[in-house]
Amino acid sequence: MKRIAVFCGSSRGFNKEYAQAAEKLADYFALNNIGLVYGGGKIGIMGAIANRMIKSNAEVIGVIPGLLKHEEVAHTDLSEMIVTKKMSKRKVKISKLVDGYIALPGGFGTLDEIFEALTLGQLGIENKAIGILNTNHFFKHTLLQLDHMVEEGFLKKENREMIMVSESIDDLIAKMRLYQAPKLSKVVNTVVIK
């Protein structure tokens, strides 16, 4: 994997483990020559991972919509900052730059981004690995909801299994490297995004 998008919060949360996990992920990326693509902010968990990557002289690409440039306090020390006109364009640009996605703790934006990546995988538009670094069991209830969706017949088991989850960075990346996308149902027609 050459580059991985990391979706995470513009807040640090109440538990210092979240920022520490982001910094450990940055160390792993830098050591293994994996570039970071992220939301472009310099605060919160976003700032923690970006700053650690910058200290290691590793590649850090921020992608931020113009409307959030001041809200998320855009980072000024990145390898590259890409400003998009819309949130939707931000997601498309990130998708074009990366080989996979990892979610760290965050809010609505983090869930929106990881679920969009999952939806694209479910539809066969993308075949990229999608991981959750489940620090301090942050995503426990989200994952339980997904299990409930399978139990109630709203989510196929093979699509639920698209999400690789671990509390260990080494384990998560190993799973992501071995990822194989599920075969598409004949009911779903592939859509091409230009």
Protein backbone atom coordinates (compact mmCIF):
# COMPACT_ATOMS: atom_id res chain seq x y z
CA MET A 1 0.00 0.00 0.00
CA LYS A 2 1.43 3.31 -1.11
CA ARG A 3 -1.11 5.65 0.50
CA ILE A 4 -3.93 5.21 3.01
CA ALA A 5 -6.71 7.65 3.80
CA VAL A 6 -7.31 8.10 7.51
CA PHE A 7 -10.71 9.39 8.60
CA CYS A 8 -10.70 10.82 12.12
CA GLY A 9 -11.95 13.60 14.33
CA SER A 10 -11.12 17.29 14.39
CA SER A 11 -11.49 16.89 18.17
CA ARG A 12 -9.13 14.93 20.42
CA GLY A 13 -11.87 13.32 22.52
CA PHE A 14 -11.68 12.87 26.29
CA ASN A 15 -9.28 9.91 26.30
CA LYS A 16 -5.63 10.58 25.46
CA GLU A 17 -5.36 7.03 24.04
CA TYR A 18 -7.04 8.23 20.83
CA ALA A 19 -4.35 10.78 19.92
CA GLN A 20 -1.65 8.33 21.03
CA ALA A 21 -3.05 5.67 18.69
CA ALA A 22 -3.06 8.21 15.84
CA GLU A 23 0.60 8.98 16.52
CA LYS A 24 1.47 5.26 16.60
CA LEU A 25 -0.29 4.81 13.27
CA ALA A 26 1.74 7.72 11.89
CA ASP A 27 4.94 6.03 13.10
CA TYR A 28 3.91 2.81 11.37
CA PHE A 29 3.15 4.66 8.13
CA ALA A 30 6.47 6.53 8.20
CA LEU A 31 8.46 3.37 8.96
CA ASN A 32 6.75 1.47 6.14
CA ASN A 33 6.76 4.30 3.54
CA ILE A 34 2.99 4.67 3.51
CA GLY A 35 1.74 8.15 2.68
CA LEU A 36 -1.11 9.70 4.66
CA VAL A 37 -4.12 11.27 2.97
CA TYR A 38 -6.54 12.91 5.40
CA GLY A 39 -8.93 15.81 5.94
CA GLY A 40 -6.27 18.52 6.07
CA GLY A 41 -6.85 19.87 9.58
CA LYS A 42 -4.21 20.70 12.17
CA ILE A 43 -6.38 20.15 15.24
CA GLY A 44 -7.77 17.10 17.02
CA ILE A 45 -6.89 13.56 16.02
CA MET A 46 -6.28 14.88 12.50
CA GLY A 47 -3.57 17.16 13.82
CA ALA A 48 -2.04 14.42 15.96
CA ILE A 49 -1.50 12.05 13.03
CA ALA A 50 -0.41 14.76 10.59
CA ASN A 51 2.07 16.38 12.97
CA ARG A 52 3.69 13.05 13.78
CA MET A 53 4.02 12.23 10.07
CA ILE A 54 5.55 15.65 9.39
CA LYS A 55 8.13 15.10 12.15
CA SER A 56 9.15 11.89 10.36
CA ASN A 57 9.45 13.71 7.01
CA ALA A 58 6.77 11.40 5.60
CA GLU A 59 4.27 12.23 2.86
CA VAL A 60 1.13 13.96 4.14
CA ILE A 61 -1.58 15.08 1.74
CA GLY A 62 -4.53 17.06 3.05
CA VAL A 63 -7.80 17.30 1.13
CA ILE A 64 -10.13 19.96 2.48
CA PRO A 65 -13.23 21.63 1.06
CA GLY A 66 -12.98 25.41 0.92
CA LEU A 67 -15.93 25.83 3.28
CA LEU A 68 -14.03 23.94 6.04
CA LYS A 69 -10.65 25.51 5.44
CA HIS A 70 -11.09 27.87 8.41
CA GLU A 71 -13.48 25.67 10.46
CA GLU A 72 -11.02 22.78 10.64
CA VAL A 73 -8.03 25.13 10.80
CA ALA A 74 -6.19 23.94 7.70
CA HIS A 75 -2.67 22.62 8.26
CA THR A 76 0.03 24.72 6.62
CA ASP A 77 3.02 22.33 6.81
CA LEU A 78 1.85 19.41 4.66
CA SER A 79 3.55 17.86 1.66
CA GLU A 80 0.50 18.96 -0.32
CA MET A 81 -2.84 20.59 0.44
CA ILE A 82 -5.69 20.13 -2.01
CA VAL A 83 -8.71 22.42 -1.65
CA THR A 84 -11.98 21.24 -3.21
CA LYS A 85 -15.18 23.16 -3.88
CA LYS A 86 -17.51 20.63 -2.24
CA MET A 87 -17.51 17.87 0.37
CA SER A 88 -18.47 15.36 -2.32
CA LYS A 89 -15.45 16.40 -4.44
CA ARG A 90 -13.23 15.92 -1.39
CA LYS A 91 -14.28 12.28 -1.10
CA VAL A 92 -13.73 11.64 -4.81
CA LYS A 93 -10.26 13.20 -4.67
CA ILE A 94 -9.27 11.18 -1.60
CA SER A 95 -10.51 8.02 -3.31
CA LYS A 96 -8.30 8.67 -6.34
CA LEU A 97 -5.20 9.13 -4.17
CA VAL A 98 -5.35 6.05 -1.92
CA ASP A 99 -5.13 2.25 -1.82
CA GLY A 100 -7.25 1.85 1.33
CA TYR A 101 -9.02 3.53 4.23
CA ILE A 102 -8.69 3.47 8.01
CA ALA A 103 -11.10 5.02 10.51
CA LEU A 104 -9.90 6.33 13.85
CA PRO A 105 -12.21 7.87 16.47
CA GLY A 106 -14.28 10.78 15.22
CA GLY A 107 -17.80 12.08 14.83
CA PHE A 108 -20.40 12.30 12.06
CA GLY A 109 -17.81 13.19 9.41
CA THR A 110 -15.69 10.14 10.20
CA LEU A 111 -18.70 7.83 10.03
CA ASP A 112 -19.92 9.49 6.83
CA GLU A 113 -16.56 8.96 5.13
CA ILE A 114 -16.04 5.36 6.21
CA PHE A 115 -19.63 4.39 5.35
CA GLU A 116 -19.34 5.98 1.92
CA ALA A 117 -16.18 3.94 1.30
CA LEU A 118 -18.06 0.81 2.42
CA THR A 119 -21.00 1.63 0.14
CA LEU A 120 -18.67 2.05 -2.83
CA GLY A 121 -17.12 -1.32 -2.00
CA GLN A 122 -20.52 -2.97 -1.62
CA LEU A 123 -21.54 -1.69 -5.06
CA GLY A 124 -18.25 -2.77 -6.63
CA ILE A 125 -17.30 0.79 -7.57
CA GLU A 126 -14.13 0.38 -5.50
CA ASN A 127 -12.30 -2.69 -4.24
CA LYS A 128 -10.14 -1.05 -1.57
CA ALA A 129 -9.42 -2.34 1.91
CA ILE A 130 -11.36 -0.63 4.70
CA GLY A 131 -10.14 -0.86 8.27
CA ILE A 132 -11.11 0.35 11.71
CA LEU A 133 -8.44 0.85 14.36
CA ASN A 134 -10.66 0.14 17.34
CA THR A 135 -8.73 1.97 20.06
CA ASN A 136 -10.33 1.64 23.48
CA HIS A 137 -13.26 -0.19 21.79
CA PHE A 138 -14.41 3.16 20.39
CA PHE A 139 -16.38 1.56 17.53
CA LYS A 140 -17.96 -1.21 19.65
CA HIS A 141 -21.52 0.07 19.34
CA THR A 142 -21.16 0.93 15.65
CA LEU A 143 -20.03 -2.63 14.97
CA LEU A 144 -22.87 -4.05 17.06
CA GLN A 145 -25.31 -2.02 14.96
CA LEU A 146 -23.82 -3.53 11.79
CA ASP A 147 -24.22 -7.03 13.27
CA HIS A 148 -27.85 -6.18 14.07
CA MET A 149 -28.37 -5.07 10.46
CA VAL A 150 -27.14 -8.49 9.31
CA GLU A 151 -29.42 -10.26 11.82
CA GLU A 152 -32.41 -8.25 10.61
CA GLY A 153 -31.72 -8.86 6.91
CA PHE A 154 -30.63 -5.36 5.89
CA LEU A 155 -26.93 -6.08 5.37
CA LYS A 156 -25.35 -9.14 3.79
CA LYS A 157 -22.81 -11.01 5.89
CA GLU A 158 -20.18 -10.74 3.14
CA ASN A 159 -20.62 -6.97 3.09
CA ARG A 160 -20.34 -6.77 6.89
CA GLU A 161 -17.07 -8.69 6.56
CA MET A 162 -15.65 -5.99 4.27
CA ILE A 163 -14.70 -4.06 7.42
CA MET A 164 -11.45 -5.21 8.97
CA VAL A 165 -11.25 -4.35 12.66
CA SER A 166 -8.40 -4.57 15.14
CA GLU A 167 -6.94 -2.82 18.16
CA SER A 168 -3.47 -3.59 16.77
CA ILE A 169 -1.96 -1.56 13.93
CA ASP A 170 0.21 -4.46 12.73
CA ASP A 171 -2.77 -6.82 12.71
CA LEU A 172 -5.05 -4.32 10.97
CA ILE A 173 -2.57 -3.53 8.18
CA ALA A 174 -1.84 -7.25 7.70
CA LYS A 175 -5.58 -7.89 7.26
CA MET A 176 -5.87 -4.97 4.85
CA ARG A 177 -3.00 -6.23 2.71
CA LEU A 178 -4.78 -9.59 2.31
CA TYR A 179 -8.20 -8.08 1.58
CA GLN A 180 -10.22 -9.45 -1.30
CA ALA A 181 -13.45 -7.72 -2.25
CA PRO A 182 -16.65 -9.79 -2.10
CA LYS A 183 -18.18 -10.98 -5.34
CA LEU A 184 -20.99 -8.75 -6.50
CA SER A 185 -24.58 -9.90 -6.43
CA LYS A 186 -26.18 -10.20 -9.87
CA VAL A 187 -28.80 -7.76 -8.58
CA VAL A 188 -26.23 -4.93 -8.35
CA ASN A 189 -25.09 -3.25 -11.55
CA THR A 190 -21.70 -1.58 -11.40
CA VAL A 191 -21.80 2.20 -11.70
CA VAL A 192 -18.81 4.13 -13.00
CA ILE A 193 -18.03 7.52 -11.44
CA LYS A 194 -16.16 9.94 -13.69
